[in-house]
Amino acid sequence: MAIQLARELVDDLEQTGRRFTHLIRDRDSKFTAAFDAVFTSAGIATLTCAPQASRMNAYAERFIRTVRAECTDRMLILGEAHLRRVLHQYVEHYNTGRSHQGHGMRLRAPDDEPNLLPFPTPADRIRRRTVLAGLINQYQQAA
């Protein structure tokens, strides 16, 4: 079944004139050597996730879901170059301006200084910066 789906995907890509160079997949037993051969014949390299890293895929899927919900589902993407610019800007926002709640982050962005405690400041000392043409707003303390 997986091999047939792979063949249909490769055929659809060829008919539409679209290509990709790499396929990243997990180590499930349904992905056999014949499955990989379908993509290799089309010039697509097959890469597998790291062994004993079963949660790796979950992190990637969660990030993709976040990007779609907060960014790409709310915009009209005009082409590959536009998509690359939008994703670059969003990833920068994700790592520097967007607060995270996991593992003791306490609503800090990943690049925030870990030794500073975030205290509320008066409204006149907060600066707003728009990201992605106003789709996202970032708030920072004014200097």
N, C-alpha and C. Protein backbone atom coordinates (compact mmCIF):
# COMPACT_ATOMS: atom_id res chain seq x y z
N MET A 1 0.82 -1.20 0.00
CA MET A 1 0.00 0.00 0.00
C MET A 1 0.87 1.26 0.00
N ALA A 2 1.88 1.29 0.86
CA ALA A 2 2.75 2.47 0.95
C ALA A 2 3.52 2.67 -0.35
N ILE A 3 3.91 1.58 -0.98
CA ILE A 3 4.66 1.68 -2.25
C ILE A 3 3.78 2.28 -3.34
N GLN A 4 2.53 1.84 -3.40
CA GLN A 4 1.61 2.38 -4.40
C GLN A 4 1.37 3.87 -4.17
N LEU A 5 1.20 4.26 -2.93
CA LEU A 5 1.02 5.68 -2.62
C LEU A 5 2.26 6.50 -3.00
N ALA A 6 3.43 5.92 -2.79
CA ALA A 6 4.67 6.60 -3.17
C ALA A 6 4.73 6.79 -4.68
N ARG A 7 4.37 5.76 -5.43
CA ARG A 7 4.36 5.86 -6.90
C ARG A 7 3.39 6.95 -7.37
N GLU A 8 2.21 6.98 -6.76
CA GLU A 8 1.22 7.99 -7.15
C GLU A 8 1.71 9.40 -6.82
N LEU A 9 2.38 9.55 -5.68
CA LEU A 9 2.93 10.86 -5.32
C LEU A 9 3.98 11.31 -6.32
N VAL A 10 4.89 10.41 -6.66
CA VAL A 10 5.94 10.75 -7.63
C VAL A 10 5.33 11.10 -8.98
N ASP A 11 4.33 10.34 -9.42
CA ASP A 11 3.65 10.63 -10.69
C ASP A 11 2.96 11.99 -10.65
N ASP A 12 2.28 12.29 -9.55
CA ASP A 12 1.61 13.59 -9.41
C ASP A 12 2.62 14.73 -9.44
N LEU A 13 3.74 14.54 -8.78
CA LEU A 13 4.77 15.59 -8.78
C LEU A 13 5.31 15.83 -10.19
N GLU A 14 5.53 14.74 -10.93
CA GLU A 14 6.05 14.88 -12.29
C GLU A 14 5.03 15.55 -13.21
N GLN A 15 3.75 15.22 -13.05
CA GLN A 15 2.72 15.81 -13.90
C GLN A 15 2.53 17.30 -13.64
N THR A 16 2.69 17.70 -12.39
CA THR A 16 2.52 19.12 -12.07
C THR A 16 3.79 19.92 -12.22
N GLY A 17 4.91 19.24 -12.48
CA GLY A 17 6.17 19.94 -12.65
C GLY A 17 6.82 20.36 -11.34
N ARG A 18 6.37 19.80 -10.25
CA ARG A 18 6.94 20.13 -8.94
C ARG A 18 7.93 19.05 -8.54
N ARG A 19 8.93 19.45 -7.75
CA ARG A 19 9.94 18.50 -7.30
C ARG A 19 10.36 18.82 -5.88
N PHE A 20 10.83 17.83 -5.21
CA PHE A 20 11.57 18.06 -3.98
C PHE A 20 12.76 17.12 -4.00
N THR A 21 13.78 17.45 -3.24
CA THR A 21 15.03 16.70 -3.34
C THR A 21 15.22 15.69 -2.23
N HIS A 22 14.52 15.87 -1.10
CA HIS A 22 14.69 14.98 0.04
C HIS A 22 13.33 14.60 0.63
N LEU A 23 13.26 13.38 1.12
CA LEU A 23 12.09 12.90 1.85
C LEU A 23 12.59 12.45 3.22
N ILE A 24 12.07 13.04 4.27
CA ILE A 24 12.44 12.65 5.62
C ILE A 24 11.32 11.78 6.18
N ARG A 25 11.68 10.59 6.63
CA ARG A 25 10.67 9.66 7.13
C ARG A 25 11.16 8.99 8.40
N ASP A 26 10.23 8.39 9.13
CA ASP A 26 10.63 7.66 10.33
C ASP A 26 11.03 6.24 9.96
N ARG A 27 11.32 5.43 10.94
CA ARG A 27 11.84 4.08 10.69
C ARG A 27 10.76 3.01 10.79
N ASP A 28 9.54 3.33 10.43
CA ASP A 28 8.44 2.38 10.49
C ASP A 28 8.70 1.23 9.51
N SER A 29 8.28 0.04 9.87
CA SER A 29 8.53 -1.14 9.05
C SER A 29 7.75 -1.12 7.73
N LYS A 30 6.73 -0.28 7.61
CA LYS A 30 5.98 -0.22 6.34
C LYS A 30 6.79 0.48 5.24
N PHE A 31 7.86 1.20 5.61
CA PHE A 31 8.72 1.86 4.64
C PHE A 31 9.88 0.91 4.32
N THR A 32 9.69 0.10 3.29
CA THR A 32 10.67 -0.91 2.91
C THR A 32 11.67 -0.34 1.91
N ALA A 33 12.60 -1.19 1.49
CA ALA A 33 13.59 -0.79 0.48
C ALA A 33 12.89 -0.45 -0.84
N ALA A 34 11.81 -1.15 -1.15
CA ALA A 34 11.05 -0.86 -2.38
C ALA A 34 10.42 0.53 -2.32
N PHE A 35 9.96 0.93 -1.14
CA PHE A 35 9.40 2.27 -0.94
C PHE A 35 10.47 3.32 -1.24
N ASP A 36 11.66 3.14 -0.66
CA ASP A 36 12.76 4.07 -0.90
C ASP A 36 13.17 4.09 -2.37
N ALA A 37 13.11 2.93 -3.03
CA ALA A 37 13.52 2.83 -4.43
C ALA A 37 12.63 3.67 -5.34
N VAL A 38 11.36 3.79 -5.00
CA VAL A 38 10.44 4.61 -5.81
C VAL A 38 10.93 6.05 -5.84
N PHE A 39 11.33 6.57 -4.69
CA PHE A 39 11.80 7.95 -4.62
C PHE A 39 13.20 8.10 -5.21
N THR A 40 14.07 7.10 -5.00
CA THR A 40 15.42 7.15 -5.55
C THR A 40 15.37 7.20 -7.07
N SER A 41 14.44 6.45 -7.67
CA SER A 41 14.32 6.46 -9.14
C SER A 41 13.89 7.82 -9.67
N ALA A 42 13.25 8.62 -8.83
CA ALA A 42 12.82 9.96 -9.24
C ALA A 42 13.86 11.02 -8.85
N GLY A 43 15.01 10.58 -8.31
CA GLY A 43 16.05 11.51 -7.92
C GLY A 43 15.83 12.17 -6.57
N ILE A 44 15.06 11.53 -5.72
CA ILE A 44 14.75 12.07 -4.39
C ILE A 44 15.48 11.23 -3.35
N ALA A 45 16.30 11.87 -2.53
CA ALA A 45 17.04 11.17 -1.48
C ALA A 45 16.12 10.93 -0.29
N THR A 46 16.17 9.72 0.26
CA THR A 46 15.34 9.37 1.41
C THR A 46 16.20 9.38 2.66
N LEU A 47 15.81 10.19 3.63
CA LEU A 47 16.53 10.29 4.90
C LEU A 47 15.62 9.78 6.01
N THR A 48 16.19 9.05 6.95
CA THR A 48 15.40 8.53 8.06
C THR A 48 15.72 9.30 9.34
N CYS A 49 14.75 9.36 10.23
CA CYS A 49 14.95 9.99 11.53
C CYS A 49 16.00 9.20 12.31
N ALA A 50 16.55 9.83 13.29
CA ALA A 50 17.56 9.17 14.12
C ALA A 50 16.96 7.96 14.82
N PRO A 51 17.76 6.90 14.99
CA PRO A 51 17.23 5.72 15.70
C PRO A 51 16.97 6.06 17.16
N GLN A 52 15.98 5.43 17.72
CA GLN A 52 15.58 5.61 19.11
C GLN A 52 15.23 7.07 19.42
N ALA A 53 14.72 7.76 18.43
CA ALA A 53 14.26 9.14 18.62
C ALA A 53 12.81 9.21 18.19
N SER A 54 12.00 8.41 18.82
CA SER A 54 10.61 8.29 18.40
C SER A 54 9.83 9.58 18.56
N ARG A 55 10.27 10.48 19.44
CA ARG A 55 9.54 11.72 19.65
C ARG A 55 9.98 12.83 18.69
N MET A 56 10.99 12.59 17.89
CA MET A 56 11.49 13.60 16.97
C MET A 56 10.39 14.09 16.03
N ASN A 57 9.62 13.17 15.52
CA ASN A 57 8.55 13.52 14.59
C ASN A 57 7.48 14.37 15.26
N ALA A 58 7.19 14.10 16.52
CA ALA A 58 6.17 14.87 17.24
C ALA A 58 6.57 16.33 17.37
N TYR A 59 7.84 16.60 17.63
CA TYR A 59 8.29 17.99 17.73
C TYR A 59 8.16 18.71 16.39
N ALA A 60 8.54 18.03 15.32
CA ALA A 60 8.42 18.64 13.99
C ALA A 60 6.96 18.92 13.65
N GLU A 61 6.09 17.96 13.93
CA GLU A 61 4.67 18.15 13.62
C GLU A 61 4.07 19.28 14.45
N ARG A 62 4.49 19.42 15.71
CA ARG A 62 3.97 20.49 16.55
C ARG A 62 4.41 21.85 16.04
N PHE A 63 5.67 21.95 15.60
CA PHE A 63 6.15 23.22 15.06
C PHE A 63 5.40 23.57 13.78
N ILE A 64 5.19 22.59 12.91
CA ILE A 64 4.48 22.83 11.66
C ILE A 64 3.05 23.27 11.94
N ARG A 65 2.40 22.64 12.92
CA ARG A 65 1.03 23.04 13.28
C ARG A 65 1.01 24.48 13.79
N THR A 66 2.00 24.85 14.59
CA THR A 66 2.08 26.21 15.11
C THR A 66 2.29 27.22 13.99
N VAL A 67 3.20 26.93 13.08
CA VAL A 67 3.46 27.83 11.94
C VAL A 67 2.20 28.01 11.11
N ARG A 68 1.51 26.92 10.85
CA ARG A 68 0.28 27.03 10.04
C ARG A 68 -0.78 27.84 10.77
N ALA A 69 -1.01 27.55 12.05
CA ALA A 69 -2.08 28.22 12.80
C ALA A 69 -1.80 29.70 12.99
N GLU A 70 -0.54 30.05 13.24
CA GLU A 70 -0.21 31.44 13.55
C GLU A 70 0.23 32.26 12.36
N CYS A 71 0.56 31.61 11.25
CA CYS A 71 1.17 32.36 10.15
C CYS A 71 0.56 32.02 8.79
N THR A 72 0.93 30.89 8.22
CA THR A 72 0.62 30.64 6.81
C THR A 72 -0.87 30.47 6.52
N ASP A 73 -1.66 29.99 7.47
CA ASP A 73 -3.10 29.88 7.23
C ASP A 73 -3.79 31.23 7.21
N ARG A 74 -3.10 32.27 7.64
CA ARG A 74 -3.68 33.61 7.70
C ARG A 74 -3.16 34.53 6.60
N MET A 75 -2.37 33.98 5.69
CA MET A 75 -1.76 34.80 4.63
C MET A 75 -1.99 34.15 3.28
N LEU A 76 -1.94 34.98 2.27
CA LEU A 76 -1.96 34.48 0.89
C LEU A 76 -0.51 34.45 0.42
N ILE A 77 0.04 33.26 0.24
CA ILE A 77 1.42 33.10 -0.17
C ILE A 77 1.47 33.15 -1.70
N LEU A 78 2.35 34.01 -2.23
CA LEU A 78 2.37 34.27 -3.66
C LEU A 78 3.41 33.47 -4.44
N GLY A 79 4.17 32.66 -3.78
CA GLY A 79 5.16 31.85 -4.48
C GLY A 79 6.23 31.36 -3.51
N GLU A 80 7.18 30.60 -4.04
CA GLU A 80 8.21 30.01 -3.19
C GLU A 80 9.08 31.08 -2.52
N ALA A 81 9.48 32.10 -3.26
CA ALA A 81 10.31 33.15 -2.68
C ALA A 81 9.57 33.88 -1.55
N HIS A 82 8.30 34.15 -1.76
CA HIS A 82 7.50 34.80 -0.74
C HIS A 82 7.37 33.90 0.49
N LEU A 83 7.12 32.61 0.27
CA LEU A 83 7.01 31.66 1.38
C LEU A 83 8.31 31.61 2.18
N ARG A 84 9.44 31.60 1.49
CA ARG A 84 10.73 31.57 2.19
C ARG A 84 10.92 32.81 3.06
N ARG A 85 10.57 33.99 2.53
CA ARG A 85 10.70 35.23 3.31
C ARG A 85 9.78 35.20 4.53
N VAL A 86 8.54 34.77 4.33
CA VAL A 86 7.58 34.71 5.43
C VAL A 86 8.06 33.74 6.50
N LEU A 87 8.49 32.54 6.10
CA LEU A 87 8.93 31.56 7.08
C LEU A 87 10.20 32.01 7.81
N HIS A 88 11.11 32.66 7.10
CA HIS A 88 12.32 33.17 7.74
C HIS A 88 11.96 34.18 8.82
N GLN A 89 11.06 35.09 8.49
CA GLN A 89 10.65 36.11 9.45
C GLN A 89 9.89 35.48 10.62
N TYR A 90 9.04 34.49 10.35
CA TYR A 90 8.29 33.84 11.42
C TYR A 90 9.23 33.07 12.35
N VAL A 91 10.19 32.34 11.80
CA VAL A 91 11.13 31.59 12.63
C VAL A 91 11.93 32.53 13.52
N GLU A 92 12.31 33.67 12.99
CA GLU A 92 13.01 34.68 13.81
C GLU A 92 12.10 35.13 14.96
N HIS A 93 10.84 35.40 14.66
CA HIS A 93 9.87 35.77 15.71
C HIS A 93 9.69 34.63 16.70
N TYR A 94 9.59 33.41 16.23
CA TYR A 94 9.36 32.24 17.07
C TYR A 94 10.50 32.08 18.09
N ASN A 95 11.73 32.32 17.65
CA ASN A 95 12.89 32.11 18.53
C ASN A 95 13.26 33.31 19.37
N THR A 96 12.80 34.50 19.01
CA THR A 96 13.23 35.68 19.77
C THR A 96 12.07 36.44 20.41
N GLY A 97 10.90 36.44 19.84
CA GLY A 97 9.83 37.28 20.35
C GLY A 97 8.63 36.57 20.88
N ARG A 98 8.42 35.33 20.50
CA ARG A 98 7.22 34.59 20.91
C ARG A 98 7.48 33.90 22.23
N SER A 99 6.59 34.05 23.16
CA SER A 99 6.78 33.41 24.47
C SER A 99 6.45 31.92 24.37
N HIS A 100 7.15 31.15 25.18
CA HIS A 100 6.97 29.70 25.22
C HIS A 100 6.65 29.30 26.65
N GLN A 101 5.93 28.19 26.83
CA GLN A 101 5.50 27.79 28.17
C GLN A 101 6.12 26.49 28.64
N GLY A 102 6.91 25.83 27.85
CA GLY A 102 7.40 24.51 28.23
C GLY A 102 8.62 24.52 29.12
N HIS A 103 8.71 23.55 29.98
CA HIS A 103 9.88 23.25 30.81
C HIS A 103 10.50 24.47 31.48
N GLY A 104 9.75 25.14 32.30
CA GLY A 104 10.28 26.24 33.10
C GLY A 104 10.55 27.51 32.33
N MET A 105 10.00 27.64 31.14
CA MET A 105 10.26 28.83 30.34
C MET A 105 9.57 30.06 30.94
N ARG A 106 8.49 29.86 31.65
CA ARG A 106 7.74 30.95 32.29
C ARG A 106 7.45 32.08 31.32
N LEU A 107 6.89 31.72 30.19
CA LEU A 107 6.48 32.68 29.16
C LEU A 107 7.64 33.51 28.63
N ARG A 108 8.79 32.91 28.52
CA ARG A 108 9.95 33.58 27.93
C ARG A 108 10.17 33.03 26.53
N ALA A 109 10.76 33.86 25.70
CA ALA A 109 11.18 33.40 24.37
C ALA A 109 12.48 32.63 24.55
N PRO A 110 12.80 31.71 23.64
CA PRO A 110 14.03 30.92 23.79
C PRO A 110 15.30 31.75 23.90
N ASP A 111 15.36 32.92 23.26
CA ASP A 111 16.57 33.73 23.29
C ASP A 111 16.58 34.76 24.41
N ASP A 112 15.59 34.76 25.30
CA ASP A 112 15.56 35.70 26.42
C ASP A 112 16.68 35.39 27.41
N GLU A 113 17.12 36.40 28.12
CA GLU A 113 18.13 36.24 29.16
C GLU A 113 17.54 35.40 30.30
N PRO A 114 18.15 34.26 30.66
CA PRO A 114 17.55 33.37 31.67
C PRO A 114 17.63 33.92 33.09
N ASN A 115 18.52 34.88 33.37
CA ASN A 115 18.69 35.37 34.74
C ASN A 115 17.81 36.58 35.05
N LEU A 116 17.04 37.05 34.10
CA LEU A 116 16.15 38.19 34.34
C LEU A 116 14.74 37.71 34.56
N LEU A 117 14.08 38.28 35.57
CA LEU A 117 12.69 37.96 35.83
C LEU A 117 11.81 38.97 35.10
N PRO A 118 10.83 38.52 34.33
CA PRO A 118 9.96 39.47 33.62
C PRO A 118 8.94 40.09 34.57
N PHE A 119 9.07 41.37 34.84
CA PHE A 119 8.12 42.10 35.67
C PHE A 119 7.30 43.03 34.80
N PRO A 120 6.03 43.24 35.13
CA PRO A 120 5.22 44.18 34.35
C PRO A 120 5.81 45.59 34.46
N THR A 121 5.72 46.31 33.38
CA THR A 121 6.22 47.68 33.34
C THR A 121 5.06 48.61 33.01
N PRO A 122 5.18 49.89 33.33
CA PRO A 122 4.13 50.84 32.96
C PRO A 122 3.93 50.85 31.44
N ALA A 123 2.70 51.13 31.02
CA ALA A 123 2.34 51.07 29.60
C ALA A 123 3.14 52.04 28.75
N ASP A 124 3.60 53.15 29.31
CA ASP A 124 4.34 54.11 28.48
C ASP A 124 5.77 53.66 28.22
N ARG A 125 6.20 52.54 28.82
CA ARG A 125 7.56 52.07 28.62
C ARG A 125 7.60 50.78 27.81
N ILE A 126 6.51 50.45 27.14
CA ILE A 126 6.44 49.25 26.32
C ILE A 126 6.40 49.67 24.85
N ARG A 127 7.19 48.99 24.05
CA ARG A 127 7.28 49.30 22.63
C ARG A 127 6.68 48.15 21.83
N ARG A 128 5.85 48.47 20.85
CA ARG A 128 5.22 47.46 19.99
C ARG A 128 5.93 47.46 18.65
N ARG A 129 6.21 46.26 18.15
CA ARG A 129 6.82 46.11 16.83
C ARG A 129 5.98 45.11 16.04
N THR A 130 5.58 45.49 14.84
CA THR A 130 4.77 44.58 14.03
C THR A 130 5.69 43.66 13.24
N VAL A 131 5.24 42.42 13.07
CA VAL A 131 5.96 41.41 12.33
C VAL A 131 5.01 40.86 11.27
N LEU A 132 5.55 40.51 10.12
CA LEU A 132 4.77 39.94 9.02
C LEU A 132 3.62 40.86 8.63
N ALA A 133 3.95 42.10 8.36
CA ALA A 133 2.99 43.11 7.89
C ALA A 133 1.81 43.28 8.84
N GLY A 134 2.06 43.18 10.15
CA GLY A 134 1.02 43.40 11.13
C GLY A 134 0.26 42.16 11.55
N LEU A 135 0.58 41.02 10.99
CA LEU A 135 -0.08 39.78 11.38
C LEU A 135 0.22 39.44 12.84
N ILE A 136 1.45 39.74 13.26
CA ILE A 136 1.91 39.45 14.61
C ILE A 136 2.46 40.74 15.22
N ASN A 137 2.20 40.97 16.49
CA ASN A 137 2.78 42.09 17.22
C ASN A 137 3.69 41.55 18.30
N GLN A 138 4.88 42.18 18.42
CA GLN A 138 5.79 41.86 19.50
C GLN A 138 5.88 43.04 20.42
N TYR A 139 5.91 42.80 21.71
CA TYR A 139 5.99 43.86 22.71
C TYR A 139 7.26 43.70 23.50
N GLN A 140 8.02 44.80 23.63
CA GLN A 140 9.28 44.79 24.36
C GLN A 140 9.38 46.03 25.21
N GLN A 141 10.21 45.95 26.25
CA GLN A 141 10.45 47.13 27.07
C GLN A 141 11.20 48.16 26.26
N ALA A 142 10.77 49.42 26.38
CA ALA A 142 11.46 50.51 25.71
C ALA A 142 12.72 50.83 26.49
N ALA A 143 13.76 51.18 25.77
CA ALA A 143 15.05 51.49 26.43
C ALA A 143 15.01 52.85 27.07
